[in-house]
């Protein structure tokens, strides 16, 4: 951050500059406990913190300027711009029938029972990785794959857990997901490098998940109902061609292309392919209906508005903390309890896990913790920005999806009730209490990441030219701590 306002003084000292964050967290937890973990509530929480702290600043004009500079900072603007482009790309894939193609493929390979559960996990992971939306994946998966799987002999609870786990997989690894963009931007890292370095954690978690799904996935016996007759309206093999723009975008992002470049190319290719295969039309890109603009572009951008506004407000809170030297006070407190690289990583993991678990959301805590705490402590211990981003993102995509008060699980319950109203008692309504333990991928990823932090597996440091290296001898206060990948 290169601020014109370098110092703002507060009545009560520099710790007062932490009030915006403090009030934000308190209010965010409160509305989450009241079962309303909505991003718009987070807007209010951040704004209340900023407004309250205004009256405690000694120079009101400098304080106001600090708020504006925080919102205008590059760290805030980068994810906002990326989300806008990613939102349009994801909308193109969703509106062009990708999920219909995935369902057709799953059904026509003859998958039943346990095999269908495994395919549902893979299909959901694929869809979420392509679109970058966990909730969109849950909506598509539970609406279509859930009743289809039950009619083909899958265990309902394990099947629903597999779909949610696949959604979490994509949220964690997709170059265009809000959590990937947030974790990378908060550390000043490139998305492609972060995604490539993240694969080492995702693979073992996925293998564990598939093994457990293979053991527990088959619960019922295939029903006499004809799934094809009931689900054919949701099947379209042509939809599989939309994997082409998804794969192109992922390849460009992983190879280092800016996310704007990757999503722009993917969007254009997706629009052309959808037109050629009659999956969508140019007229659906933007049109006027009932006196308002509608269409792929409008809906894609509109779906990202809430998280964009939140990012701007949270960056204002961060800048207030910095110009008030609250970040130095926070680091001073942390240093009393942390003396090793492992301890630094564990503190980042613990804060992320705690805040995401309470709030039931993942991207907002990643931004808040990543910028205000994880980045400075990562720089102090010379932990590479990819590693810090991966710790933030991976832990944020675990309990957030698996605890009974998770918004994701409430969404599943609502969708299973809708499916039940269509298919009857064959397709049961689930409860959040039933689901939590069966979000197997999230528990597997949590175990992998705890192992990684404790043992140092995958830990990298900042090399001479900024590249990740596996070992480093720290200097200064930590000169006695020889660190390497296994410590």
Protein backbone atom coordinates (compact mmCIF):
# COMPACT_ATOMS: atom_id res chain seq x y z
CA UNK A 1 0.00 0.00 0.00
CA UNK A 2 1.44 3.36 -1.00
CA UNK A 3 -0.63 5.80 1.01
CA UNK A 4 -0.51 9.58 0.93
CA UNK A 5 -1.90 9.52 4.47
CA UNK A 6 0.88 7.91 6.49
CA UNK A 7 -0.35 8.49 10.04
CA UNK A 8 -3.70 9.10 11.72
CA UNK A 9 -3.86 9.56 15.47
CA UNK A 10 -6.74 8.39 17.64
CA UNK A 11 -8.02 9.26 21.10
CA UNK A 12 -7.01 6.20 23.07
CA UNK A 13 -3.92 5.25 21.08
CA UNK A 14 -3.13 3.06 18.11
CA UNK A 15 -5.22 0.09 19.25
CA UNK A 16 -8.29 2.21 18.51
CA UNK A 17 -7.52 1.80 14.80
CA UNK A 18 -8.46 -1.88 15.22
CA UNK A 19 -12.04 -0.96 16.11
CA UNK A 20 -13.39 -1.14 12.52
CA UNK A 21 -12.19 -4.73 12.28
CA UNK A 22 -13.27 -5.53 15.82
CA UNK A 23 -16.82 -4.26 15.34
CA UNK A 24 -17.00 -5.93 11.95
CA UNK A 25 -16.11 -9.31 13.46
CA UNK A 26 -18.51 -8.90 16.41
CA UNK A 27 -21.45 -7.89 14.23
CA UNK A 28 -20.60 -10.52 11.59
CA UNK A 29 -20.58 -13.23 14.26
CA UNK A 30 -23.85 -11.93 15.70
CA UNK A 31 -25.73 -12.01 12.40
CA UNK A 32 -24.25 -15.44 11.68
CA UNK A 33 -25.48 -16.77 15.03
CA UNK A 34 -28.90 -15.37 14.14
CA UNK A 35 -28.72 -17.55 11.01
CA UNK A 36 -28.43 -14.63 8.60
CA UNK A 37 -24.83 -14.90 7.31
CA UNK A 38 -25.46 -12.61 4.38
CA UNK A 39 -22.81 -10.51 2.64
CA UNK A 40 -25.04 -7.46 2.81
CA UNK A 41 -25.05 -7.79 6.57
CA UNK A 42 -21.25 -7.82 6.37
CA UNK A 43 -21.42 -4.51 4.48
CA UNK A 44 -23.26 -2.97 7.41
CA UNK A 45 -20.85 -4.50 9.93
CA UNK A 46 -17.81 -2.98 8.19
CA UNK A 47 -19.46 0.40 7.65
CA UNK A 48 -20.57 0.67 11.28
CA UNK A 49 -16.98 0.01 12.40
CA UNK A 50 -15.67 2.71 10.06
CA UNK A 51 -18.26 5.27 11.18
CA UNK A 52 -17.81 4.64 14.91
CA UNK A 53 -14.03 4.98 14.67
CA UNK A 54 -14.39 8.27 12.76
CA UNK A 55 -15.45 10.02 15.98
CA UNK A 56 -12.34 8.73 17.77
CA UNK A 57 -9.90 10.15 15.20
CA UNK A 58 -8.11 13.38 16.02
CA UNK A 59 -8.00 14.61 12.42
CA UNK A 60 -11.36 13.86 10.79
CA UNK A 61 -10.28 14.96 7.30
CA UNK A 62 -7.21 12.71 7.32
CA UNK A 63 -9.39 9.85 8.55
CA UNK A 64 -11.86 10.36 5.69
CA UNK A 65 -8.99 10.44 3.20
CA UNK A 66 -7.62 7.20 4.66
CA UNK A 67 -11.01 5.52 4.06
CA UNK A 68 -11.00 6.61 0.42
CA UNK A 69 -7.37 5.58 -0.12
CA UNK A 70 -8.10 2.15 1.31
CA UNK A 71 -10.99 1.59 -1.10
CA UNK A 72 -8.92 2.85 -4.03
CA UNK A 73 -5.89 0.72 -3.22
CA UNK A 74 -4.74 -1.78 -5.83
CA UNK A 75 -5.19 -4.67 -3.40
CA UNK A 76 -8.91 -3.86 -3.25
CA UNK A 77 -9.37 -3.08 -6.93
CA UNK A 78 -7.66 -6.21 -8.33
CA UNK A 79 -10.12 -8.77 -6.88
CA UNK A 80 -13.09 -6.52 -7.71
CA UNK A 81 -12.10 -6.35 -11.38
CA UNK A 82 -11.34 -10.09 -11.51
CA UNK A 83 -14.68 -10.99 -9.93
CA UNK A 84 -16.57 -8.96 -12.54
CA UNK A 85 -14.89 -10.78 -15.43
CA UNK A 86 -15.11 -14.17 -13.69
CA UNK A 87 -18.80 -13.64 -12.94
CA UNK A 88 -19.64 -13.12 -16.61
CA UNK A 89 -17.61 -16.18 -17.65
CA UNK A 90 -19.30 -18.40 -15.06
CA UNK A 91 -22.72 -17.14 -16.19
CA UNK A 92 -21.92 -18.09 -19.80
CA UNK A 93 -21.13 -21.67 -18.74
CA UNK A 94 -24.17 -22.01 -16.51
CA UNK A 95 -26.63 -20.59 -19.04
CA UNK A 96 -25.21 -22.75 -21.84
CA UNK A 97 -26.04 -26.12 -20.28
CA UNK A 98 -22.75 -27.40 -18.87
CA UNK A 99 -24.48 -29.12 -15.95
CA UNK A 100 -26.95 -30.78 -18.37
CA UNK A 101 -24.04 -32.27 -20.27
CA UNK A 102 -22.36 -33.52 -17.11
CA UNK A 103 -25.58 -35.20 -15.94
CA UNK A 104 -26.06 -36.86 -19.33
CA UNK A 105 -22.51 -38.25 -19.20
CA UNK A 106 -22.90 -39.53 -15.64
CA UNK A 107 -26.18 -41.27 -16.43
CA UNK A 108 -25.09 -42.84 -19.71
CA UNK A 109 -21.93 -44.46 -18.38
CA UNK A 110 -24.29 -46.70 -16.45
CA UNK A 111 -23.38 -45.35 -13.04
CA UNK A 112 -25.50 -46.65 -10.18
CA UNK A 113 -25.17 -46.68 -6.40
CA UNK A 114 -21.64 -46.10 -5.18
CA UNK A 115 -20.26 -45.37 -8.63
CA UNK A 116 -22.86 -42.64 -9.13
CA UNK A 117 -21.83 -41.02 -5.82
CA UNK A 118 -18.19 -40.93 -6.94
CA UNK A 119 -19.19 -39.54 -10.33
CA UNK A 120 -21.38 -36.93 -8.60
CA UNK A 121 -18.36 -35.80 -6.59
CA UNK A 122 -16.15 -35.61 -9.69
CA UNK A 123 -18.88 -33.91 -11.75
CA UNK A 124 -19.55 -31.33 -9.02
CA UNK A 125 -15.84 -30.69 -8.62
CA UNK A 126 -15.51 -30.26 -12.37
CA UNK A 127 -18.48 -27.91 -12.60
CA UNK A 128 -17.29 -25.85 -9.62
CA UNK A 129 -13.75 -25.64 -11.01
CA UNK A 130 -15.11 -24.47 -14.35
CA UNK A 131 -17.52 -21.89 -12.95
CA UNK A 132 -15.83 -20.92 -9.68
CA UNK A 133 -19.10 -20.99 -7.75
CA UNK A 134 -19.72 -23.36 -4.86
CA UNK A 135 -23.33 -22.33 -4.24
CA UNK A 136 -24.12 -22.48 -7.96
CA UNK A 137 -22.69 -26.00 -7.99
CA UNK A 138 -24.74 -27.03 -4.97
CA UNK A 139 -27.92 -25.68 -6.59
CA UNK A 140 -27.25 -27.52 -9.85
CA UNK A 141 -26.06 -30.72 -8.16
CA UNK A 142 -28.78 -31.12 -5.54
CA UNK A 143 -31.50 -30.12 -8.01
CA UNK A 144 -30.45 -32.68 -10.62
CA UNK A 145 -27.79 -35.16 -9.46
CA UNK A 146 -29.35 -35.75 -6.04
CA UNK A 147 -32.71 -37.18 -7.20
CA UNK A 148 -31.02 -38.97 -10.12
CA UNK A 149 -28.55 -40.68 -7.80
CA UNK A 150 -31.20 -41.83 -5.36
CA UNK A 151 -33.23 -43.30 -8.18
CA UNK A 152 -30.08 -45.18 -9.16
CA UNK A 153 -29.42 -46.61 -5.69
CA UNK A 154 -27.08 -44.08 -4.06
CA UNK A 155 -27.14 -43.31 -0.35
CA UNK A 156 -28.94 -39.92 -0.08
CA UNK A 157 -26.82 -38.42 2.70
CA UNK A 158 -23.48 -39.54 1.27
CA UNK A 159 -24.56 -38.38 -2.19
CA UNK A 160 -25.48 -34.91 -0.93
CA UNK A 161 -22.17 -34.76 0.95
CA UNK A 162 -20.30 -35.70 -2.22
CA UNK A 163 -21.97 -32.87 -4.14
CA UNK A 164 -21.14 -30.31 -1.45
CA UNK A 165 -17.60 -31.68 -1.25
CA UNK A 166 -17.20 -31.26 -5.00
CA UNK A 167 -18.42 -27.68 -4.68
CA UNK A 168 -15.81 -27.02 -1.98
CA UNK A 169 -13.13 -28.62 -4.18
CA UNK A 170 -13.89 -26.18 -6.99
CA UNK A 171 -14.13 -23.22 -4.65
CA UNK A 172 -10.64 -24.05 -3.41
CA UNK A 173 -8.91 -24.78 -6.71
CA UNK A 174 -10.78 -22.80 -9.41
CA UNK A 175 -8.76 -19.87 -10.78
CA UNK A 176 -11.95 -17.80 -11.01
CA UNK A 177 -13.45 -18.59 -7.58
CA UNK A 178 -13.89 -15.76 -5.09
CA UNK A 179 -11.69 -17.52 -2.52
CA UNK A 180 -8.82 -18.11 -4.96
CA UNK A 181 -8.92 -14.50 -6.09
CA UNK A 182 -9.18 -13.25 -2.49
CA UNK A 183 -6.34 -15.39 -1.16
CA UNK A 184 -4.02 -14.54 -4.06
CA UNK A 185 -4.80 -10.81 -4.08
CA UNK A 186 -4.44 -10.51 -0.29
CA UNK A 187 -0.86 -11.79 -0.58
CA UNK A 188 0.04 -9.97 -3.80
CA UNK A 189 0.38 -13.32 -5.58
CA UNK A 190 -0.49 -14.36 -9.13
CA UNK A 191 -3.52 -16.63 -9.42
CA UNK A 192 -1.82 -19.11 -11.76
CA UNK A 193 1.11 -19.71 -9.40
CA UNK A 194 -1.21 -20.09 -6.43
CA UNK A 195 -3.39 -22.65 -8.21
CA UNK A 196 -0.41 -24.73 -9.36
CA UNK A 197 1.09 -24.79 -5.87
CA UNK A 198 -2.30 -25.76 -4.40
CA UNK A 199 -2.62 -29.00 -6.35
CA UNK A 200 -0.33 -30.89 -3.97
CA UNK A 201 -2.91 -30.51 -1.17
CA UNK A 202 -5.98 -31.15 -3.30
CA UNK A 203 -4.84 -34.48 -4.76
CA UNK A 204 -4.42 -36.43 -1.48
CA UNK A 205 -7.65 -34.94 -0.09
CA UNK A 206 -9.49 -36.06 -3.25
CA UNK A 207 -8.02 -39.56 -3.11
CA UNK A 208 -9.09 -39.94 0.53
CA UNK A 209 -12.56 -38.69 -0.40
CA UNK A 210 -13.02 -41.10 -3.29
CA UNK A 211 -11.89 -44.06 -1.17
CA UNK A 212 -14.38 -43.21 1.58
CA UNK A 213 -17.15 -42.56 -0.94
CA UNK A 214 -16.44 -45.98 -2.47
CA UNK A 215 -16.91 -47.54 0.96
CA UNK A 216 -20.05 -45.67 2.05
CA UNK A 217 -21.67 -44.40 -1.17
CA UNK A 218 -24.12 -47.20 -1.99
CA UNK A 219 -27.04 -47.23 0.37
CA UNK A 220 -30.23 -48.05 -1.44
CA UNK A 221 -31.34 -50.21 -4.27
CA UNK A 222 -32.30 -48.88 -7.66
CA UNK A 223 -35.96 -47.89 -7.77
CA UNK A 224 -38.49 -49.07 -10.34
CA UNK A 225 -39.07 -45.51 -11.45
CA UNK A 226 -37.58 -44.61 -14.79
CA UNK A 227 -34.90 -42.00 -14.07
CA UNK A 228 -34.39 -41.17 -17.72
CA UNK A 229 -38.06 -40.31 -18.26
CA UNK A 230 -38.04 -38.11 -15.19
CA UNK A 231 -34.66 -36.48 -15.74
CA UNK A 232 -34.31 -36.32 -19.51
CA UNK A 233 -35.36 -32.68 -19.49
CA UNK A 234 -32.15 -31.95 -17.55
CA UNK A 235 -29.89 -33.96 -19.88
CA UNK A 236 -28.19 -32.65 -22.98
CA UNK A 237 -24.97 -34.26 -24.25
CA UNK A 238 -24.23 -31.16 -26.32
CA UNK A 239 -23.67 -29.26 -23.06
CA UNK A 240 -20.37 -31.09 -22.66
CA UNK A 241 -18.82 -28.88 -25.36
CA UNK A 242 -18.87 -26.07 -22.79
CA UNK A 243 -15.99 -27.87 -21.10
CA UNK A 244 -13.84 -26.49 -23.93
CA UNK A 245 -13.93 -22.82 -22.82
CA UNK A 246 -13.65 -23.95 -19.19
CA UNK A 247 -10.48 -25.95 -19.91
CA UNK A 248 -9.03 -23.15 -22.04
CA UNK A 249 -9.55 -20.63 -19.25
CA UNK A 250 -8.01 -22.87 -16.61
CA UNK A 251 -4.97 -23.59 -18.81
CA UNK A 252 -4.38 -19.89 -19.52
CA UNK A 253 -4.72 -19.00 -15.82
CA UNK A 254 -2.41 -21.78 -14.62
CA UNK A 255 0.19 -20.87 -17.25
CA UNK A 256 0.40 -17.37 -15.84
CA UNK A 257 -2.01 -15.33 -17.94
CA UNK A 258 -3.77 -12.57 -16.03
CA UNK A 259 -7.20 -13.68 -14.89
CA UNK A 260 -8.80 -10.91 -16.94
CA UNK A 261 -7.07 -12.27 -20.05
CA UNK A 262 -8.00 -15.88 -19.24
CA UNK A 263 -11.66 -15.15 -18.49
CA UNK A 264 -12.04 -12.80 -21.46
CA UNK A 265 -10.74 -15.50 -23.82
CA UNK A 266 -12.91 -18.12 -22.12
CA UNK A 267 -16.00 -15.91 -22.29
CA UNK A 268 -15.58 -15.16 -26.00
CA UNK A 269 -14.86 -18.81 -26.84
CA UNK A 270 -17.81 -19.91 -24.70
CA UNK A 271 -20.21 -17.48 -26.40
CA UNK A 272 -19.11 -18.62 -29.86
CA UNK A 273 -19.35 -22.33 -29.00
CA UNK A 274 -22.75 -21.88 -27.36
CA UNK A 275 -23.97 -20.10 -30.50
CA UNK A 276 -22.55 -22.72 -32.87
CA UNK A 277 -24.15 -25.61 -30.94
CA UNK A 278 -27.44 -23.79 -30.34
CA UNK A 279 -26.95 -23.81 -26.56
CA UNK A 280 -27.42 -20.07 -26.23
CA UNK A 281 -27.89 -17.08 -28.49
CA UNK A 282 -26.35 -13.66 -28.89
CA UNK A 283 -29.73 -12.15 -28.04
CA UNK A 284 -29.41 -13.57 -24.50
CA UNK A 285 -26.19 -11.72 -23.82
CA UNK A 286 -28.05 -8.50 -23.03
CA UNK A 287 -31.68 -7.54 -23.61
CA UNK A 288 -34.43 -5.36 -22.20
CA UNK A 289 -37.33 -6.92 -20.29
CA UNK A 290 -39.96 -5.08 -18.25
CA UNK A 291 -37.99 -1.88 -18.56
CA UNK A 292 -34.76 -3.34 -17.18
CA UNK A 293 -31.57 -4.72 -18.70
CA UNK A 294 -31.24 -8.50 -18.44
CA UNK A 295 -29.00 -11.22 -19.84
CA UNK A 296 -25.74 -13.08 -19.34
CA UNK A 297 -23.57 -10.00 -18.89
CA UNK A 298 -25.98 -8.23 -16.55
CA UNK A 299 -26.59 -11.32 -14.40
CA UNK A 300 -22.92 -12.29 -14.34
CA UNK A 301 -21.84 -8.88 -13.11
CA UNK A 302 -24.81 -8.56 -10.77
CA UNK A 303 -23.92 -11.81 -9.06
CA UNK A 304 -20.58 -10.35 -8.01
CA UNK A 305 -21.79 -6.98 -6.69
CA UNK A 306 -22.14 -8.06 -3.05
CA UNK A 307 -18.61 -9.45 -2.72
CA UNK A 308 -17.14 -6.45 -4.60
CA UNK A 309 -18.69 -3.91 -2.24
CA UNK A 310 -17.56 -5.98 0.72
CA UNK A 311 -13.97 -5.99 -0.56
CA UNK A 312 -13.92 -2.20 -0.83
CA UNK A 313 -15.28 -1.74 2.71
CA UNK A 314 -12.91 -4.29 4.23
CA UNK A 315 -9.95 -2.55 2.57
CA UNK A 316 -11.04 0.73 4.14
CA UNK A 317 -10.92 -1.02 7.53
CA UNK A 318 -7.46 -2.36 6.72
CA UNK A 319 -6.13 1.07 5.77
CA UNK A 320 -7.51 2.66 8.93
CA UNK A 321 -5.64 0.03 10.92
CA UNK A 322 -2.43 0.69 9.00
CA UNK A 323 -2.42 4.49 9.14
CA UNK A 324 -3.29 4.25 12.83
CA UNK A 325 -0.43 1.74 13.38
CA UNK A 326 -2.85 -0.84 14.70
CA UNK A 327 -1.17 -3.46 12.52
CA UNK A 328 2.09 -2.92 14.41
CA UNK A 329 0.25 -3.29 17.71
CA UNK A 330 -1.40 -6.48 16.45
CA UNK A 331 1.92 -7.93 15.33
CA UNK A 332 3.44 -7.03 18.68
CA UNK A 333 0.75 -9.03 20.45
CA UNK A 334 1.22 -11.97 18.09
CA UNK A 335 4.98 -11.99 18.64
CA UNK A 336 4.45 -12.70 22.33
CA UNK A 337 2.96 -16.09 21.44
CA UNK A 338 4.65 -16.93 18.13
CA UNK A 339 8.35 -17.64 17.73
CA UNK A 340 8.53 -20.18 14.90
CA UNK A 341 7.42 -20.52 11.30
CA UNK A 342 5.14 -23.38 12.31
CA UNK A 343 3.54 -21.16 14.92
CA UNK A 344 3.01 -18.38 12.37
CA UNK A 345 1.31 -20.77 9.97
CA UNK A 346 -0.78 -22.30 12.74
CA UNK A 347 -1.98 -18.85 13.82
CA UNK A 348 -3.07 -18.02 10.25
CA UNK A 349 -4.81 -21.39 9.97
CA UNK A 350 -6.50 -21.04 13.35
CA UNK A 351 -7.81 -17.53 12.69
CA UNK A 352 -9.10 -18.53 9.27
CA UNK A 353 -10.72 -21.72 10.54
CA UNK A 354 -12.31 -19.94 13.48
CA UNK A 355 -13.74 -16.98 11.57
CA UNK A 356 -15.01 -19.01 8.60
CA UNK A 357 -16.59 -21.56 10.95
CA UNK A 358 -18.47 -18.91 12.89
CA UNK A 359 -19.48 -16.80 9.89
CA UNK A 360 -20.29 -19.66 7.53
CA UNK A 361 -18.65 -17.72 4.70
CA UNK A 362 -15.15 -18.06 3.28
CA UNK A 363 -14.11 -15.19 0.99
CA UNK A 364 -14.75 -12.33 3.49
CA UNK A 365 -12.60 -13.87 6.26
CA UNK A 366 -9.84 -14.63 3.72
CA UNK A 367 -9.72 -10.96 2.74
CA UNK A 368 -9.92 -9.70 6.31
CA UNK A 369 -7.30 -12.06 7.79
CA UNK A 370 -5.15 -12.26 4.67
CA UNK A 371 -4.51 -8.55 4.39
CA UNK A 372 -4.50 -7.48 8.03
CA UNK A 373 -2.61 -10.40 9.60
CA UNK A 374 -1.46 -13.22 7.31
CA UNK A 375 0.48 -11.03 4.90
CA UNK A 376 2.58 -9.15 7.50
CA UNK A 377 3.33 -12.23 9.59
CA UNK A 378 4.11 -14.22 6.45
CA UNK A 379 6.57 -11.51 5.38
CA UNK A 380 8.15 -11.47 8.84
CA UNK A 381 8.90 -15.19 8.68
CA UNK A 382 9.64 -15.08 4.94
CA UNK A 383 6.94 -17.65 4.17
CA UNK A 384 6.26 -17.58 0.44
CA UNK A 385 3.06 -15.83 -0.59
CA UNK A 386 1.81 -18.96 -2.40
CA UNK A 387 2.05 -20.94 0.83
CA UNK A 388 0.23 -18.27 2.85
CA UNK A 389 -2.49 -18.01 0.20
CA UNK A 390 -2.92 -21.78 0.23
CA UNK A 391 -3.23 -21.96 4.01
CA UNK A 392 -5.86 -19.22 3.93
CA UNK A 393 -7.87 -20.74 1.11
CA UNK A 394 -7.66 -24.39 2.11
CA UNK A 395 -8.68 -23.89 5.73
CA UNK A 396 -11.44 -21.50 4.62
CA UNK A 397 -12.98 -24.26 2.48
CA UNK A 398 -13.28 -26.90 5.18
CA UNK A 399 -15.55 -26.40 8.22
CA UNK A 400 -17.28 -23.54 6.44
CA UNK A 401 -19.12 -26.20 4.42
CA UNK A 402 -19.47 -28.87 7.10
CA UNK A 403 -20.87 -27.34 10.29
CA UNK A 404 -24.63 -27.53 11.04
CA UNK A 405 -25.11 -23.74 10.78
CA UNK A 406 -23.34 -23.52 7.41
CA UNK A 407 -25.34 -21.56 4.80
CA UNK A 408 -24.26 -24.21 2.27
CA UNK A 409 -26.00 -26.94 4.29
CA UNK A 410 -29.14 -24.85 4.79
CA UNK A 411 -29.19 -24.46 1.01
CA UNK A 412 -28.93 -28.25 0.63
CA UNK A 413 -31.83 -28.80 3.02
CA UNK A 414 -33.98 -26.34 1.09
CA UNK A 415 -33.13 -27.96 -2.25
CA UNK A 416 -33.78 -31.50 -0.98
CA UNK A 417 -37.21 -30.31 0.19
CA UNK A 418 -37.91 -29.05 -3.33
CA UNK A 419 -36.77 -32.38 -4.81
CA UNK A 420 -38.97 -34.23 -2.33
CA UNK A 421 -42.01 -32.23 -3.46
CA UNK A 422 -41.35 -33.39 -7.03
CA UNK A 423 -40.32 -37.03 -6.55
CA UNK A 424 -42.07 -37.89 -3.28
CA UNK A 425 -40.80 -40.03 -0.40
CA UNK A 426 -38.24 -41.78 -2.59
CA UNK A 427 -36.14 -38.59 -2.40
CA UNK A 428 -35.80 -37.65 1.30
CA UNK A 429 -35.49 -34.21 2.86
CA UNK A 430 -32.17 -33.96 4.71
CA UNK A 431 -31.18 -31.97 7.80
CA UNK A 432 -27.98 -30.02 8.48
CA UNK A 433 -27.26 -32.27 11.44
CA UNK A 434 -27.26 -35.35 9.21
CA UNK A 435 -25.03 -33.82 6.55
CA UNK A 436 -22.05 -32.35 8.40
CA UNK A 437 -19.96 -35.47 8.92
CA UNK A 438 -20.54 -36.60 5.32
CA UNK A 439 -18.93 -33.59 3.66
CA UNK A 440 -15.99 -35.95 3.35
CA UNK A 441 -13.82 -33.84 1.06
CA UNK A 442 -13.80 -30.93 3.52
CA UNK A 443 -12.76 -33.15 6.43
CA UNK A 444 -10.09 -34.80 4.27
CA UNK A 445 -8.72 -31.41 3.19
CA UNK A 446 -8.70 -30.24 6.81
CA UNK A 447 -6.68 -33.32 7.83
CA UNK A 448 -4.23 -32.81 4.96
CA UNK A 449 -3.70 -29.14 5.83
CA UNK A 450 -3.24 -29.79 9.56
CA UNK A 451 -0.63 -32.39 8.65
CA UNK A 452 1.02 -29.88 6.31
CA UNK A 453 1.25 -27.14 8.94
CA UNK A 454 2.52 -29.47 11.68
CA UNK A 455 5.13 -31.29 9.56
CA UNK A 456 6.04 -28.48 7.17
CA UNK A 457 5.13 -30.55 4.12
CA UNK A 458 4.71 -28.16 1.19
CA UNK A 459 6.16 -25.22 3.12
CA UNK A 460 8.13 -22.79 0.98
CA UNK A 461 10.00 -19.57 1.65
CA UNK A 462 10.86 -16.45 -0.30
CA UNK A 463 13.99 -16.97 -2.39
CA UNK A 464 16.48 -14.35 -3.54
CA UNK A 465 14.41 -13.39 -6.57
CA UNK A 466 11.04 -13.95 -4.92
CA UNK A 467 10.77 -17.55 -6.10
CA UNK A 468 9.60 -20.25 -3.64
CA UNK A 469 12.42 -22.26 -2.03
CA UNK A 470 12.27 -25.16 0.42
CA UNK A 471 14.69 -24.02 3.10
CA UNK A 472 15.84 -20.78 4.65
CA UNK A 473 17.93 -19.61 7.58
CA UNK A 474 16.15 -16.72 9.27
CA UNK A 475 18.11 -13.81 10.65
CA UNK A 476 17.62 -11.32 13.44
CA UNK A 477 15.42 -12.45 16.31
CA UNK A 478 14.96 -15.85 14.64
CA UNK A 479 18.57 -16.56 13.63
CA UNK A 480 18.65 -19.67 15.81
CA UNK A 481 15.73 -21.22 13.92
CA UNK A 482 17.05 -23.16 10.90
CA UNK A 483 13.92 -23.83 8.91
CA UNK A 484 13.26 -26.26 6.09
CA UNK A 485 10.43 -28.12 4.44
CA UNK A 486 10.21 -30.70 7.20
CA UNK A 487 10.14 -28.36 10.18
